[in-house]
Amino acid sequence: ALVDAAADRLLALLAAIQADAAGGLHGDGVP
């Protein structure tokens, strides 16, 4: 269940960063 919860949250985070061309800590959409 831990692995499932972390995987769901991680995929959502990566998708959100990549969906914004200026997303993420570096502002380039690349996590």
Full PDB file with SEQRES, HELIX, SHEET, SSBOND, CRYST1, ORIGX, SCALE, CONECT and MASTER records, all heavy atoms in Angstrom:
SEQRES   1 A   31  ALA LEU VAL ASP ALA ALA ALA ASP ARG LEU LEU ALA LEU          
SEQRES   2 A   31  LEU ALA ALA ILE GLN ALA ASP ALA ALA GLY GLY LEU HIS          
SEQRES   3 A   31  GLY ASP GLY VAL PRO                                          
HELIX    1 AA1 LEU A    2  ALA A   19  1                                  18    
CRYST1    1.000    1.000    1.000  90.00  90.00  90.00 P 1           1          
ORIGX1      1.000000  0.000000  0.000000        0.00000                         
ORIGX2      0.000000  1.000000  0.000000        0.00000                         
ORIGX3      0.000000  0.000000  1.000000        0.00000                         
SCALE1      1.000000  0.000000  0.000000        0.00000                         
SCALE2      0.000000  1.000000  0.000000        0.00000                         
SCALE3      0.000000  0.000000  1.000000        0.00000                         
ATOM      1  N   ALA A   1       0.835  -1.207   0.000  1.00  0.00           N  
ATOM      2  CA  ALA A   1       0.000   0.000   0.000  1.00  0.00           C  
ATOM      3  C   ALA A   1       0.863   1.248   0.000  1.00  0.00           C  
ATOM      4  O   ALA A   1       0.503   2.266  -0.618  1.00  0.00           O  
ATOM      5  CB  ALA A   1      -0.930  -0.013   1.217  1.00  0.00           C  
ATOM      6  N   LEU A   2       1.996   1.206   0.686  1.00  0.00           N  
ATOM      7  CA  LEU A   2       2.933   2.332   0.694  1.00  0.00           C  
ATOM      8  C   LEU A   2       3.453   2.598  -0.712  1.00  0.00           C  
ATOM      9  O   LEU A   2       3.475   3.744  -1.170  1.00  0.00           O  
ATOM     10  CB  LEU A   2       4.079   2.027   1.654  1.00  0.00           C  
ATOM     11  CG  LEU A   2       5.146   3.100   1.911  1.00  0.00           C  
ATOM     12  CD1 LEU A   2       5.792   2.868   3.279  1.00  0.00           C  
ATOM     13  CD2 LEU A   2       6.231   3.091   0.842  1.00  0.00           C  
ATOM     14  N   VAL A   3       3.848   1.539  -1.389  1.00  0.00           N  
ATOM     15  CA  VAL A   3       4.366   1.684  -2.750  1.00  0.00           C  
ATOM     16  C   VAL A   3       3.296   2.240  -3.677  1.00  0.00           C  
ATOM     17  O   VAL A   3       3.555   3.136  -4.495  1.00  0.00           O  
ATOM     18  CB  VAL A   3       4.897   0.330  -3.258  1.00  0.00           C  
ATOM     19  CG1 VAL A   3       5.205   0.384  -4.753  1.00  0.00           C  
ATOM     20  CG2 VAL A   3       6.152  -0.080  -2.480  1.00  0.00           C  
ATOM     21  N   ASP A   4       2.070   1.751  -3.541  1.00  0.00           N  
ATOM     22  CA  ASP A   4       0.969   2.256  -4.369  1.00  0.00           C  
ATOM     23  C   ASP A   4       0.731   3.746  -4.124  1.00  0.00           C  
ATOM     24  O   ASP A   4       0.576   4.525  -5.070  1.00  0.00           O  
ATOM     25  CB  ASP A   4      -0.319   1.482  -4.065  1.00  0.00           C  
ATOM     26  CG  ASP A   4      -0.408   0.172  -4.823  1.00  0.00           C  
ATOM     27  OD1 ASP A   4       0.259   0.041  -5.868  1.00  0.00           O  
ATOM     28  OD2 ASP A   4      -1.157  -0.713  -4.385  1.00  0.00           O  
ATOM     29  N   ALA A   5       0.681   4.125  -2.845  1.00  0.00           N  
ATOM     30  CA  ALA A   5       0.400   5.529  -2.516  1.00  0.00           C  
ATOM     31  C   ALA A   5       1.492   6.449  -3.033  1.00  0.00           C  
ATOM     32  O   ALA A   5       1.216   7.522  -3.588  1.00  0.00           O  
ATOM     33  CB  ALA A   5       0.249   5.676  -0.999  1.00  0.00           C  
ATOM     34  N   ALA A   6       2.752   6.043  -2.846  1.00  0.00           N  
ATOM     35  CA  ALA A   6       3.865   6.871  -3.310  1.00  0.00           C  
ATOM     36  C   ALA A   6       3.892   6.944  -4.834  1.00  0.00           C  
ATOM     37  O   ALA A   6       4.179   8.002  -5.410  1.00  0.00           O  
ATOM     38  CB  ALA A   6       5.182   6.335  -2.769  1.00  0.00           C  
ATOM     39  N   ALA A   7       3.602   5.830  -5.511  1.00  0.00           N  
ATOM     40  CA  ALA A   7       3.619   5.818  -6.973  1.00  0.00           C  
ATOM     41  C   ALA A   7       2.551   6.750  -7.542  1.00  0.00           C  
ATOM     42  O   ALA A   7       2.810   7.516  -8.479  1.00  0.00           O  
ATOM     43  CB  ALA A   7       3.412   4.400  -7.492  1.00  0.00           C  
ATOM     44  N   ASP A   8       1.343   6.693  -6.978  1.00  0.00           N  
ATOM     45  CA  ASP A   8       0.264   7.566  -7.455  1.00  0.00           C  
ATOM     46  C   ASP A   8       0.646   9.035  -7.284  1.00  0.00           C  
ATOM     47  O   ASP A   8       0.466   9.849  -8.196  1.00  0.00           O  
ATOM     48  CB  ASP A   8      -1.021   7.280  -6.677  1.00  0.00           C  
ATOM     49  CG  ASP A   8      -1.691   5.982  -7.084  1.00  0.00           C  
ATOM     50  OD1 ASP A   8      -1.337   5.442  -8.146  1.00  0.00           O  
ATOM     51  OD2 ASP A   8      -2.554   5.504  -6.322  1.00  0.00           O  
ATOM     52  N   ARG A   9       1.173   9.356  -6.123  1.00  0.00           N  
ATOM     53  CA  ARG A   9       1.517  10.753  -5.834  1.00  0.00           C  
ATOM     54  C   ARG A   9       2.686  11.216  -6.695  1.00  0.00           C  
ATOM     55  O   ARG A   9       2.721  12.372  -7.149  1.00  0.00           O  
ATOM     56  CB  ARG A   9       1.843  10.887  -4.346  1.00  0.00           C  
ATOM     57  CG  ARG A   9       1.988  12.305  -3.847  1.00  0.00           C  
ATOM     58  CD  ARG A   9       1.782  12.332  -2.343  1.00  0.00           C  
ATOM     59  NE  ARG A   9       2.065  13.627  -1.767  1.00  0.00           N  
ATOM     60  CZ  ARG A   9       1.719  13.988  -0.533  1.00  0.00           C  
ATOM     61  NH1 ARG A   9       1.058  13.138   0.236  1.00  0.00           N  
ATOM     62  NH2 ARG A   9       2.011  15.192  -0.076  1.00  0.00           N  
ATOM     63  N   LEU A  10       3.634  10.329  -6.938  1.00  0.00           N  
ATOM     64  CA  LEU A  10       4.801  10.695  -7.745  1.00  0.00           C  
ATOM     65  C   LEU A  10       4.418  10.918  -9.201  1.00  0.00           C  
ATOM     66  O   LEU A  10       4.861  11.897  -9.824  1.00  0.00           O  
ATOM     67  CB  LEU A  10       5.869   9.613  -7.624  1.00  0.00           C  
ATOM     68  CG  LEU A  10       7.154   9.810  -8.434  1.00  0.00           C  
ATOM     69  CD1 LEU A  10       7.747  11.192  -8.233  1.00  0.00           C  
ATOM     70  CD2 LEU A  10       8.172   8.736  -8.064  1.00  0.00           C  
ATOM     71  N   LEU A  11       3.598  10.040  -9.757  1.00  0.00           N  
ATOM     72  CA  LEU A  11       3.183  10.234 -11.144  1.00  0.00           C  
ATOM     73  C   LEU A  11       2.397  11.534 -11.303  1.00  0.00           C  
ATOM     74  O   LEU A  11       2.568  12.256 -12.294  1.00  0.00           O  
ATOM     75  CB  LEU A  11       2.348   9.042 -11.608  1.00  0.00           C  
ATOM     76  CG  LEU A  11       3.132   7.748 -11.874  1.00  0.00           C  
ATOM     77  CD1 LEU A  11       2.169   6.589 -12.097  1.00  0.00           C  
ATOM     78  CD2 LEU A  11       4.070   7.898 -13.069  1.00  0.00           C  
ATOM     79  N   ALA A  12       1.553  11.855 -10.329  1.00  0.00           N  
ATOM     80  CA  ALA A  12       0.806  13.108 -10.384  1.00  0.00           C  
ATOM     81  C   ALA A  12       1.734  14.314 -10.313  1.00  0.00           C  
ATOM     82  O   ALA A  12       1.547  15.304 -11.041  1.00  0.00           O  
ATOM     83  CB  ALA A  12      -0.214  13.161  -9.246  1.00  0.00           C  
ATOM     84  N   LEU A  13       2.749  14.232  -9.465  1.00  0.00           N  
ATOM     85  CA  LEU A  13       3.709  15.333  -9.353  1.00  0.00           C  
ATOM     86  C   LEU A  13       4.484  15.521 -10.649  1.00  0.00           C  
ATOM     87  O   LEU A  13       4.614  16.656 -11.148  1.00  0.00           O  
ATOM     88  CB  LEU A  13       4.684  15.044  -8.205  1.00  0.00           C  
ATOM     89  CG  LEU A  13       5.887  15.992  -8.087  1.00  0.00           C  
ATOM     90  CD1 LEU A  13       5.432  17.407  -7.764  1.00  0.00           C  
ATOM     91  CD2 LEU A  13       6.864  15.473  -7.026  1.00  0.00           C  
ATOM     92  N   LEU A  14       4.996  14.444 -11.214  1.00  0.00           N  
ATOM     93  CA  LEU A  14       5.774  14.541 -12.451  1.00  0.00           C  
ATOM     94  C   LEU A  14       4.925  15.097 -13.591  1.00  0.00           C  
ATOM     95  O   LEU A  14       5.377  15.947 -14.361  1.00  0.00           O  
ATOM     96  CB  LEU A  14       6.326  13.174 -12.822  1.00  0.00           C  
ATOM     97  CG  LEU A  14       7.329  12.554 -11.846  1.00  0.00           C  
ATOM     98  CD1 LEU A  14       7.663  11.122 -12.264  1.00  0.00           C  
ATOM     99  CD2 LEU A  14       8.597  13.388 -11.750  1.00  0.00           C  
ATOM    100  N   ALA A  15       3.680  14.616 -13.696  1.00  0.00           N  
ATOM    101  CA  ALA A  15       2.792  15.095 -14.753  1.00  0.00           C  
ATOM    102  C   ALA A  15       2.507  16.585 -14.592  1.00  0.00           C  
ATOM    103  O   ALA A  15       2.473  17.334 -15.581  1.00  0.00           O  
ATOM    104  CB  ALA A  15       1.493  14.295 -14.747  1.00  0.00           C  
ATOM    105  N   ALA A  16       2.317  17.023 -13.359  1.00  0.00           N  
ATOM    106  CA  ALA A  16       2.022  18.440 -13.125  1.00  0.00           C  
ATOM    107  C   ALA A  16       3.208  19.324 -13.496  1.00  0.00           C  
ATOM    108  O   ALA A  16       3.031  20.393 -14.101  1.00  0.00           O  
ATOM    109  CB  ALA A  16       1.646  18.658 -11.661  1.00  0.00           C  
ATOM    110  N   ILE A  17       4.406  18.905 -13.152  1.00  0.00           N  
ATOM    111  CA  ILE A  17       5.599  19.683 -13.510  1.00  0.00           C  
ATOM    112  C   ILE A  17       5.751  19.757 -15.021  1.00  0.00           C  
ATOM    113  O   ILE A  17       6.011  20.824 -15.591  1.00  0.00           O  
ATOM    114  CB  ILE A  17       6.850  19.077 -12.858  1.00  0.00           C  
ATOM    115  CG1 ILE A  17       6.813  19.259 -11.336  1.00  0.00           C  
ATOM    116  CG2 ILE A  17       8.130  19.702 -13.441  1.00  0.00           C  
ATOM    117  CD1 ILE A  17       7.929  18.531 -10.595  1.00  0.00           C  
ATOM    118  N   GLN A  18       5.568  18.622 -15.698  1.00  0.00           N  
ATOM    119  CA  GLN A  18       5.775  18.581 -17.141  1.00  0.00           C  
ATOM    120  C   GLN A  18       4.660  19.279 -17.917  1.00  0.00           C  
ATOM    121  O   GLN A  18       4.871  19.708 -19.054  1.00  0.00           O  
ATOM    122  CB  GLN A  18       5.912  17.130 -17.607  1.00  0.00           C  
ATOM    123  CG  GLN A  18       7.185  16.463 -17.118  1.00  0.00           C  
ATOM    124  CD  GLN A  18       7.362  15.053 -17.665  1.00  0.00           C  
ATOM    125  OE1 GLN A  18       6.400  14.399 -18.064  1.00  0.00           O  
ATOM    126  NE2 GLN A  18       8.599  14.579 -17.688  1.00  0.00           N  
ATOM    127  N   ALA A  19       3.490  19.411 -17.317  1.00  0.00           N  
ATOM    128  CA  ALA A  19       2.368  20.053 -18.009  1.00  0.00           C  
ATOM    129  C   ALA A  19       2.554  21.559 -18.165  1.00  0.00           C  
ATOM    130  O   ALA A  19       1.904  22.196 -19.000  1.00  0.00           O  
ATOM    131  CB  ALA A  19       1.066  19.771 -17.269  1.00  0.00           C  
ATOM    132  N   ASP A  20       3.458  22.116 -17.369  1.00  0.00           N  
ATOM    133  CA  ASP A  20       3.719  23.552 -17.397  1.00  0.00           C  
ATOM    134  C   ASP A  20       5.116  23.778 -17.969  1.00  0.00           C  
ATOM    135  O   ASP A  20       6.098  23.295 -17.417  1.00  0.00           O  
ATOM    136  CB  ASP A  20       3.625  24.107 -15.973  1.00  0.00           C  
ATOM    137  CG  ASP A  20       3.842  25.607 -15.899  1.00  0.00           C  
ATOM    138  OD1 ASP A  20       4.184  26.222 -16.927  1.00  0.00           O  
ATOM    139  OD2 ASP A  20       3.686  26.165 -14.801  1.00  0.00           O  
ATOM    140  N   ALA A  21       5.203  24.494 -19.083  1.00  0.00           N  
ATOM    141  CA  ALA A  21       6.506  24.722 -19.718  1.00  0.00           C  
ATOM    142  C   ALA A  21       7.474  25.419 -18.782  1.00  0.00           C  
ATOM    143  O   ALA A  21       8.697  25.331 -18.952  1.00  0.00           O  
ATOM    144  CB  ALA A  21       6.337  25.542 -20.991  1.00  0.00           C  
ATOM    145  N   ALA A  22       6.957  26.116 -17.778  1.00  0.00           N  
ATOM    146  CA  ALA A  22       7.798  26.778 -16.785  1.00  0.00           C  
ATOM    147  C   ALA A  22       7.690  26.087 -15.429  1.00  0.00           C  
ATOM    148  O   ALA A  22       7.961  26.683 -14.391  1.00  0.00           O  
ATOM    149  CB  ALA A  22       7.407  28.249 -16.649  1.00  0.00           C  
ATOM    150  N   GLY A  23       7.307  24.826 -15.444  1.00  0.00           N  
ATOM    151  CA  GLY A  23       7.076  24.106 -14.211  1.00  0.00           C  
ATOM    152  C   GLY A  23       8.345  23.599 -13.555  1.00  0.00           C  
ATOM    153  O   GLY A  23       9.411  23.518 -14.163  1.00  0.00           O  
ATOM    154  N   GLY A  24       8.218  23.241 -12.303  1.00  0.00           N  
ATOM    155  CA  GLY A  24       9.329  22.662 -11.560  1.00  0.00           C  
ATOM    156  C   GLY A  24      10.258  23.697 -10.969  1.00  0.00           C  
ATOM    157  O   GLY A  24      10.172  24.895 -11.250  1.00  0.00           O  
ATOM    158  N   LEU A  25      11.170  23.211 -10.172  1.00  0.00           N  
ATOM    159  CA  LEU A  25      12.096  24.082  -9.452  1.00  0.00           C  
ATOM    160  C   LEU A  25      12.969  24.898 -10.401  1.00  0.00           C  
ATOM    161  O   LEU A  25      13.372  26.013 -10.080  1.00  0.00           O  
ATOM    162  CB  LEU A  25      12.967  23.214  -8.535  1.00  0.00           C  
ATOM    163  CG  LEU A  25      13.834  23.910  -7.491  1.00  0.00           C  
ATOM    164  CD1 LEU A  25      12.984  24.729  -6.535  1.00  0.00           C  
ATOM    165  CD2 LEU A  25      14.648  22.871  -6.710  1.00  0.00           C  
ATOM    166  N   HIS A  26      13.268  24.351 -11.586  1.00  0.00           N  
ATOM    167  CA  HIS A  26      14.150  25.031 -12.533  1.00  0.00           C  
ATOM    168  C   HIS A  26      13.384  25.831 -13.587  1.00  0.00           C  
ATOM    169  O   HIS A  26      14.001  26.448 -14.465  1.00  0.00           O  
ATOM    170  CB  HIS A  26      15.078  24.014 -13.211  1.00  0.00           C  
ATOM    171  CG  HIS A  26      16.124  23.465 -12.287  1.00  0.00           C  
ATOM    172  ND1 HIS A  26      15.838  22.545 -11.315  1.00  0.00           N  
ATOM    173  CD2 HIS A  26      17.450  23.730 -12.196  1.00  0.00           C  
ATOM    174  CE1 HIS A  26      16.942  22.256 -10.658  1.00  0.00           C  
ATOM    175  NE2 HIS A  26      17.925  22.951 -11.162  1.00  0.00           N  
ATOM    176  N   GLY A  27      12.055  25.802 -13.522  1.00  0.00           N  
ATOM    177  CA  GLY A  27      11.257  26.612 -14.429  1.00  0.00           C  
ATOM    178  C   GLY A  27      11.327  26.193 -15.882  1.00  0.00           C  
ATOM    179  O   GLY A  27      11.087  27.017 -16.774  1.00  0.00           O  
ATOM    180  N   ASP A  28      11.616  24.907 -16.136  1.00  0.00           N  
ATOM    181  CA  ASP A  28      11.722  24.431 -17.518  1.00  0.00           C  
ATOM    182  C   ASP A  28      10.844  23.221 -17.817  1.00  0.00           C  
ATOM    183  O   ASP A  28      10.960  22.616 -18.884  1.00  0.00           O  
ATOM    184  CB  ASP A  28      13.180  24.106 -17.853  1.00  0.00           C  
ATOM    185  CG  ASP A  28      13.787  23.048 -16.922  1.00  0.00           C  
ATOM    186  OD1 ASP A  28      13.058  22.524 -16.051  1.00  0.00           O  
ATOM    187  OD2 ASP A  28      14.999  22.763 -17.069  1.00  0.00           O  
ATOM    188  N   GLY A  29       9.985  22.856 -16.867  1.00  0.00           N  
ATOM    189  CA  GLY A  29       9.112  21.709 -17.084  1.00  0.00           C  
ATOM    190  C   GLY A  29       9.803  20.368 -17.009  1.00  0.00           C  
ATOM    191  O   GLY A  29       9.211  19.347 -17.383  1.00  0.00           O  
ATOM    192  N   VAL A  30      11.023  20.339 -16.514  1.00  0.00           N  
ATOM    193  CA  VAL A  30      11.796  19.095 -16.417  1.00  0.00           C  
ATOM    194  C   VAL A  30      12.038  18.773 -14.940  1.00  0.00           C  
ATOM    195  O   VAL A  30      12.785  19.486 -14.266  1.00  0.00           O  
ATOM    196  CB  VAL A  30      13.152  19.199 -17.147  1.00  0.00           C  
ATOM    197  CG1 VAL A  30      13.959  17.919 -16.978  1.00  0.00           C  
ATOM    198  CG2 VAL A  30      12.928  19.506 -18.629  1.00  0.00           C  
ATOM    199  N   PRO A  31      11.414  17.719 -14.408  1.00  0.00           N  
ATOM    200  CA  PRO A  31      11.629  17.375 -13.006  1.00  0.00           C  
ATOM    201  C   PRO A  31      13.038  16.831 -12.767  1.00  0.00           C  
ATOM    202  O   PRO A  31      13.599  16.122 -13.605  1.00  0.00           O  
ATOM    203  CB  PRO A  31      10.587  16.267 -12.734  1.00  0.00           C  
ATOM    204  CG  PRO A  31       9.650  16.309 -13.889  1.00  0.00           C  
ATOM    205  CD  PRO A  31      10.423  16.841 -15.051  1.00  0.00           C  
TER     206      PRO A  31                                                      
MASTER        0    0    0    1    0    0    0    6  205    1    0    3          
END                                                                             
